[in-house]
Protein backbone atom coordinates (compact mmCIF):
# COMPACT_ATOMS: atom_id res chain seq x y z
CA MET A 1 140.24 35.72 101.41
CA THR A 2 142.20 37.50 104.56
CA ARG A 3 139.65 37.64 107.41
CA THR A 4 140.09 40.63 110.25
CA PRO A 5 139.28 39.19 113.85
CA GLY A 6 135.83 39.96 114.46
CA TRP A 7 134.68 40.53 110.80
CA HIS A 8 132.54 36.91 109.07
CA GLY A 9 131.98 37.16 105.83
CA PRO A 10 133.96 38.57 103.26
CA PRO A 11 135.76 41.41 103.52
CA PRO A 12 134.07 44.85 103.51
CA ALA A 13 135.03 46.32 100.11
CA THR A 14 134.56 42.95 97.97
CA ALA A 15 130.72 42.12 99.67
CA HIS A 16 128.56 43.72 96.96
CA PHE A 17 131.21 43.29 94.26
CA VAL A 18 129.26 41.69 90.89
CA PRO A 19 131.39 41.26 88.03
CA PRO A 20 129.73 42.36 84.98
CA LEU A 21 129.50 40.14 81.93
CA GLN A 22 133.00 40.04 79.98
CA LEU A 23 134.22 38.54 76.97
CA GLU A 24 136.96 35.68 76.86
CA ALA A 25 140.12 37.34 76.83
CA PRO A 26 141.48 36.95 73.28
CA ALA A 27 144.51 34.88 72.18
CA HIS A 28 145.99 37.10 69.73
CA GLY A 29 146.46 40.42 68.16
CA ILE A 30 146.30 41.99 71.47
CA THR A 31 147.85 45.86 71.72
CA GLU A 32 148.72 47.02 75.08
CA SER A 33 148.51 50.57 75.88
CA ASP A 34 151.15 52.95 76.82
CA PRO A 35 151.25 54.93 80.20
CA PRO A 36 149.20 57.02 80.57
CA ALA A 37 146.23 54.35 79.32
CA PRO A 38 143.52 55.97 77.45
CA ALA A 39 140.97 57.38 79.55
CA LEU A 40 137.51 55.72 78.61
CA TRP A 41 133.96 55.75 80.25
CA VAL A 42 132.78 51.98 80.00
CA ASP A 43 128.92 50.51 80.23
CA LEU A 44 129.03 47.43 81.67
CA GLU A 45 126.22 44.89 81.22
CA TYR A 46 125.42 42.44 84.42
CA PRO A 47 123.93 39.10 84.15
CA ASP A 48 120.64 40.45 85.66
CA GLY A 49 120.48 42.72 82.45
CA SER A 50 121.41 46.08 84.42
CA ARG A 51 123.91 48.51 83.44
CA GLN A 52 126.43 51.16 84.87
CA THR A 53 128.86 53.28 83.63
CA VAL A 54 131.96 53.72 84.88
CA ARG A 55 135.32 55.98 84.52
CA GLY A 56 137.90 53.44 83.64
CA PHE A 57 140.56 53.23 81.28
CA ALA A 58 142.14 50.83 78.28
CA MET A 59 144.83 48.61 79.48
CA ALA A 60 144.63 46.30 75.80
CA TRP A 61 142.70 46.37 72.63
CA THR A 62 141.74 44.37 69.21
CA ASP A 63 139.56 45.03 67.18
CA ALA A 64 136.58 42.60 69.33
CA ALA A 65 137.70 43.66 72.21
CA VAL A 66 138.78 45.97 74.84
CA LEU A 67 140.22 45.13 78.31
CA ALA A 68 139.26 48.07 80.76
CA GLN A 69 140.46 49.03 84.04
CA TRP A 70 138.04 50.46 86.48
CA VAL A 71 138.01 51.46 90.63
CA GLU A 72 135.26 49.72 92.15
CA PHE A 73 134.92 49.33 96.03
CA SER A 74 138.07 50.43 96.31
CA ILE A 75 139.61 48.24 94.11
CA ALA A 76 140.81 47.90 90.75
CA ARG A 77 139.16 45.69 88.25
CA GLU A 78 139.58 44.23 84.58
CA ALA A 79 136.86 43.26 81.80
CA TRP A 80 137.58 42.62 78.29
CA VAL A 81 134.38 43.82 76.73
CA ARG A 82 132.95 45.03 73.12
CA PRO A 83 134.42 48.05 71.51
CA ASP A 84 130.92 49.65 71.89
CA GLN A 85 130.49 49.50 75.35
CA CYS A 86 133.74 52.20 75.34
CA THR A 87 133.72 55.58 75.11
CA ARG A 88 137.07 57.62 74.60
CA ARG A 89 136.66 60.42 77.65
CA GLU A 90 139.20 63.40 78.37
CA LEU A 91 140.98 64.45 81.76
CA PRO A 92 141.57 67.21 83.28
CA ARG A 93 144.62 69.00 83.01
CA ARG A 94 146.22 68.91 86.22
CA SER A 95 148.03 72.26 87.64
CA GLY A 96 150.61 72.78 90.31
CA VAL A 97 154.28 70.83 90.28
CA ARG A 98 154.04 67.54 92.42
CA ASP A 99 156.32 65.14 91.13
CA GLY A 100 158.86 68.09 91.07
CA SER A 101 159.71 67.96 87.48
CA PRO A 102 159.77 71.38 85.45
CA ASP A 103 157.53 70.46 82.89
CA SER A 104 154.58 68.70 84.83
CA GLY A 105 152.96 71.68 85.38
């Protein structure tokens, strides 16, 4: 852990992070997503019984688990969760040219 001079304890971005409950990573049968990864709503469950829905992406999956990735406290987080904790979401289409290619807008 990198410490900032004068700062005592974990860095502020990680001080309040509590990892959600997650499944053990599967050993086989994993399908990895091709970019762009499917967008999801992920219902995370925590050891104290609380729940939180986050905007995330399906980075990989099996029949019994989804590797969801989301951003929390400015850091990308990942957890293997049950498929019933995930719902597909639509990303709004962006307009305008950002990368310079003629077909990006």
